[in-house]
Amino acid sequence: IDFSNNFDLLTGFLVIDKKIGKLGIINYVVDNNINQLISVTYQRKEILIPMHTDFIVRVDPKKKIISLSCPDGLIDLYTD
């Protein structure tokens, strides 16, 4: 399945960051015509993660898991 043109298909997937671990489930996708963002609730806060191809490590459609390598500090922007 090619998610690159339709990130809405990822709604409900578990997001796992390479450094942090489990972040949460994708609530929805924001499509602003420049870059798609996924909304995830992490530590009771909504975080928005750009769906840039450099951040995507692996997508497992059978297990509904997306593994990311978020840039340093991105998650901290929402949790600090």
Protein backbone atom coordinates (compact mmCIF):
# COMPACT_ATOMS: atom_id res chain seq x y z
CA ILE A 1 0.00 0.00 0.00
CA ASP A 2 1.35 3.42 -0.96
CA PHE A 3 0.61 5.87 1.84
CA SER A 4 2.68 8.71 0.38
CA ASN A 5 -0.28 10.18 -1.50
CA ASN A 6 -2.96 9.40 1.09
CA PHE A 7 -1.77 9.67 4.67
CA ASP A 8 -5.44 9.58 5.81
CA LEU A 9 -5.12 5.80 5.53
CA LEU A 10 -2.76 5.94 8.54
CA THR A 11 -5.49 7.14 10.93
CA GLY A 12 -5.63 4.62 13.77
CA PHE A 13 -2.03 3.44 13.32
CA LEU A 14 0.29 3.26 16.31
CA VAL A 15 3.24 5.66 16.01
CA ILE A 16 6.59 4.53 17.36
CA ASP A 17 9.55 6.90 17.40
CA LYS A 18 13.02 5.40 17.06
CA LYS A 19 14.34 7.20 20.17
CA ILE A 20 11.27 7.79 22.36
CA GLY A 21 9.29 4.64 21.70
CA LYS A 22 5.48 4.53 21.57
CA LEU A 23 3.98 7.95 20.98
CA GLY A 24 0.32 7.05 20.47
CA ILE A 25 -2.36 6.43 17.89
CA ILE A 26 -2.83 8.72 14.88
CA ASN A 27 -6.02 10.72 15.57
CA TYR A 28 -6.26 12.43 12.20
CA VAL A 29 -4.19 13.84 9.35
CA VAL A 30 -3.85 17.56 8.59
CA ASP A 31 -3.35 18.23 4.87
CA ASN A 32 -2.22 21.80 4.36
CA ASN A 33 -1.18 21.27 0.71
CA ILE A 34 2.50 21.81 1.60
CA ASN A 35 3.09 18.98 4.03
CA GLN A 36 0.81 16.49 5.72
CA LEU A 37 0.91 16.37 9.51
CA ILE A 38 -0.30 13.57 11.73
CA SER A 39 -1.97 14.30 15.06
CA VAL A 40 -0.99 12.02 17.94
CA THR A 41 -1.90 12.32 21.62
CA TYR A 42 1.29 11.85 23.62
CA GLN A 43 1.42 12.41 27.40
CA ARG A 44 -2.11 13.86 27.18
CA LYS A 45 -1.02 16.52 24.68
CA GLU A 46 -1.67 16.73 20.97
CA ILE A 47 1.50 16.71 18.93
CA LEU A 48 1.72 17.29 15.20
CA ILE A 49 4.37 15.43 13.27
CA PRO A 50 5.24 16.25 9.65
CA MET A 51 4.96 13.21 7.40
CA HIS A 52 8.22 13.87 5.61
CA THR A 53 9.75 10.87 3.86
CA ASP A 54 13.02 11.44 5.77
CA PHE A 55 11.18 10.75 9.06
CA ILE A 56 9.40 7.55 7.99
CA VAL A 57 11.41 4.44 8.88
CA ARG A 58 8.80 1.73 8.26
CA VAL A 59 5.07 1.27 7.76
CA ASP A 60 3.52 -2.05 8.73
CA PRO A 61 -0.07 -2.05 7.39
CA LYS A 62 -0.83 -5.51 8.81
CA LYS A 63 0.06 -4.52 12.39
CA LYS A 64 -1.09 -0.89 11.83
CA ILE A 65 2.24 0.50 13.03
CA ILE A 66 4.30 3.35 11.61
CA SER A 67 7.89 3.74 12.80
CA LEU A 68 9.39 7.21 12.62
CA SER A 69 12.70 8.86 13.31
CA CYS A 70 11.57 12.29 14.48
CA PRO A 71 14.11 15.11 14.45
CA ASP A 72 15.74 15.88 17.78
CA GLY A 73 13.62 18.30 19.78
CA LEU A 74 10.39 17.94 17.77
CA ILE A 75 8.46 16.05 20.45
CA ASP A 76 10.02 18.23 23.16
CA LEU A 77 8.35 21.29 21.59
CA TYR A 78 5.02 19.88 22.74
CA THR A 79 5.98 18.32 26.06
CA ASP A 80 8.32 20.88 27.70
